[in-house]
C-alpha atoms as a PDB file:
ATOM      1  CA  MET A   1       1.931  16.214   3.974  1.00  0.00           C
ATOM      2  CA  MET A   2       2.046  13.832   0.670  1.00  0.00           C
ATOM      3  CA  ILE A   3       4.710  11.132   0.405  1.00  0.00           C
ATOM      4  CA  ILE A   4       5.758   9.214  -2.581  1.00  0.00           C
ATOM      5  CA  VAL A   5       6.057   5.025  -1.854  1.00  0.00           C
ATOM      6  CA  GLU A   6       6.924   2.624  -4.005  1.00  0.00           C
ATOM      7  CA  VAL A   7       4.156  -0.436  -3.515  1.00  0.00           C
ATOM      8  CA  LYS A   8       5.626  -4.132  -4.774  1.00  0.00           C
ATOM      9  CA  VAL A   9       2.864  -6.816  -5.594  1.00  0.00           C
ATOM     10  CA  PRO A  10       3.971  -9.946  -5.788  1.00  0.00           C
ATOM     11  CA  LEU A  11       0.737 -11.762  -6.854  1.00  0.00           C
ATOM     12  CA  MET A  12       1.317  -9.538 -10.270  1.00  0.00           C
ATOM     13  CA  GLY A  13       5.009  -9.105 -10.337  1.00  0.00           C
ATOM     14  CA  LYS A  14       4.951  -5.334 -10.802  1.00  0.00           C
ATOM     15  CA  GLU A  15       5.273  -2.235  -8.837  1.00  0.00           C
ATOM     16  CA  TYR A  16       4.107   1.187  -9.028  1.00  0.00           C
ATOM     17  CA  ASP A  17       4.626   4.518  -7.781  1.00  0.00           C
ATOM     18  CA  PHE A  18       2.000   6.297  -5.024  1.00  0.00           C
ATOM     19  CA  GLN A  19       1.612   9.499  -3.520  1.00  0.00           C
ATOM     20  CA  ILE A  20      -0.040   9.180  -0.320  1.00  0.00           C
ATOM     21  CA  ASP A  21      -1.228  11.387   2.437  1.00  0.00           C
ATOM     22  CA  GLU A  22       0.952  10.482   5.513  1.00  0.00           C
ATOM     23  CA  LYS A  23      -2.036  11.258   7.766  1.00  0.00           C
ATOM     24  CA  VAL A  24      -4.388   9.217   6.403  1.00  0.00           C
ATOM     25  CA  PRO A  25      -4.951   5.762   8.050  1.00  0.00           C
ATOM     26  CA  LEU A  26      -2.907   3.017   6.214  1.00  0.00           C
ATOM     27  CA  CYS A  27      -6.648   0.801   5.719  1.00  0.00           C
ATOM     28  CA  ARG A  28      -7.841   3.455   3.782  1.00  0.00           C
ATOM     29  CA  ILE A  29      -4.877   4.132   1.421  1.00  0.00           C
ATOM     30  CA  THR A  30      -4.850  -0.020   0.951  1.00  0.00           C
ATOM     31  CA  GLU A  31      -8.085  -0.378  -0.145  1.00  0.00           C
ATOM     32  CA  GLU A  32      -7.482   2.802  -2.437  1.00  0.00           C
ATOM     33  CA  ILE A  33      -4.266   1.330  -4.136  1.00  0.00           C
ATOM     34  CA  ALA A  34      -5.784  -1.845  -4.523  1.00  0.00           C
ATOM     35  CA  GLU A  35      -9.181  -0.447  -6.223  1.00  0.00           C
ATOM     36  CA  ILE A  36      -6.186   1.685  -8.918  1.00  0.00           C
ATOM     37  CA  ILE A  37      -4.187  -1.184  -9.230  1.00  0.00           C
ATOM     38  CA  CYS A  38      -7.123  -3.473 -10.772  1.00  0.00           C
ATOM     39  CA  GLN A  39      -8.899  -0.907 -12.620  1.00  0.00           C
ATOM     40  CA  LYS A  40      -4.990  -0.392 -14.356  1.00  0.00           C
ATOM     41  CA  GLU A  41      -4.574  -3.642 -14.834  1.00  0.00           C
ATOM     42  CA  GLN A  42      -7.952  -4.701 -15.562  1.00  0.00           C
ATOM     43  CA  TYR A  43      -7.584  -7.331 -12.854  1.00  0.00           C
ATOM     44  CA  ILE A  44     -11.058  -8.658 -10.848  1.00  0.00           C
ATOM     45  CA  PHE A  45     -10.406  -9.211  -7.151  1.00  0.00           C
ATOM     46  CA  GLU A  46     -12.343 -11.605  -6.145  1.00  0.00           C
ATOM     47  CA  GLY A  47     -11.445 -11.650  -2.378  1.00  0.00           C
ATOM     48  CA  ASN A  48     -12.217  -8.974   0.410  1.00  0.00           C
ATOM     49  CA  ARG A  49     -10.122  -5.825  -0.151  1.00  0.00           C
ATOM     50  CA  GLY A  50     -10.014  -5.312   3.853  1.00  0.00           C
ATOM     51  CA  ARG A  51      -7.912  -8.167   4.114  1.00  0.00           C
ATOM     52  CA  LEU A  52      -4.852  -6.851   2.130  1.00  0.00           C
ATOM     53  CA  LEU A  53      -1.784  -5.975   4.329  1.00  0.00           C
ATOM     54  CA  MET A  54       0.770  -3.706   3.760  1.00  0.00           C
ATOM     55  CA  TRP A  55       4.369  -4.663   4.883  1.00  0.00           C
ATOM     56  CA  ASP A  56       7.736  -2.444   4.736  1.00  0.00           C
ATOM     57  CA  ALA A  57      10.285  -4.241   2.472  1.00  0.00           C
ATOM     58  CA  GLN A  58      12.709  -2.527   3.954  1.00  0.00           C
ATOM     59  CA  ASN A  59      12.207  -3.841   7.490  1.00  0.00           C
ATOM     60  CA  LYS A  60      10.217  -6.903   7.156  1.00  0.00           C
ATOM     61  CA  LYS A  61       7.356  -6.247   9.246  1.00  0.00           C
ATOM     62  CA  ARG A  62       3.786  -5.813   9.000  1.00  0.00           C
ATOM     63  CA  LEU A  63       2.204  -1.982   8.790  1.00  0.00           C
ATOM     64  CA  ASN A  64      -0.459  -1.352  11.366  1.00  0.00           C
ATOM     65  CA  PRO A  65      -3.601  -0.908   8.897  1.00  0.00           C
ATOM     66  CA  GLU A  66      -5.562   1.570  11.745  1.00  0.00           C
ATOM     67  CA  ASN A  67      -2.292   3.870  11.573  1.00  0.00           C
ATOM     68  CA  SER A  68      -1.276   6.473   9.478  1.00  0.00           C
ATOM     69  CA  ALA A  69       1.949   6.363   7.259  1.00  0.00           C
ATOM     70  CA  SER A  70       3.647   8.874   9.265  1.00  0.00           C
ATOM     71  CA  GLU A  71       2.570   6.596  12.408  1.00  0.00           C
ATOM     72  CA  ASN A  72       3.855   3.623  10.863  1.00  0.00           C
ATOM     73  CA  GLY A  73       7.323   5.043   9.966  1.00  0.00           C
ATOM     74  CA  LEU A  74       6.971   5.852   6.270  1.00  0.00           C
ATOM     75  CA  LYS A  75       8.442   8.621   4.192  1.00  0.00           C
ATOM     76  CA  THR A  76       8.874   9.341   0.928  1.00  0.00           C
ATOM     77  CA  GLY A  77      11.490   6.606  -0.898  1.00  0.00           C
ATOM     78  CA  SER A  78       9.690   3.640   1.543  1.00  0.00           C
ATOM     79  CA  VAL A  79       9.278   0.183  -0.227  1.00  0.00           C
ATOM     80  CA  LEU A  80       5.600  -1.396   0.475  1.00  0.00           C
ATOM     81  CA  ILE A  81       4.763  -4.883  -0.252  1.00  0.00           C
ATOM     82  CA  LEU A  82       0.814  -5.296  -0.373  1.00  0.00           C
ATOM     83  CA  ALA A  83      -0.126  -8.654   0.061  1.00  0.00           C
END
């Protein structure tokens, strides 16, 4: 099942809405989201995308990258921070 989440990127001061598969590991989703944002903003990411982390903005906790969105308790309307 697909869910819609808001992803905030403090480094860029921007927010994006993404439709993600709730069963896919968050580490894979994080890398895909980072790649899409870099392409959209024509930004060259110098670091290792594998080191990016997702945080739940509402609960102020780091999400487990090995777990899926549903295992991390995410649902449509969740607000995430990519850092």
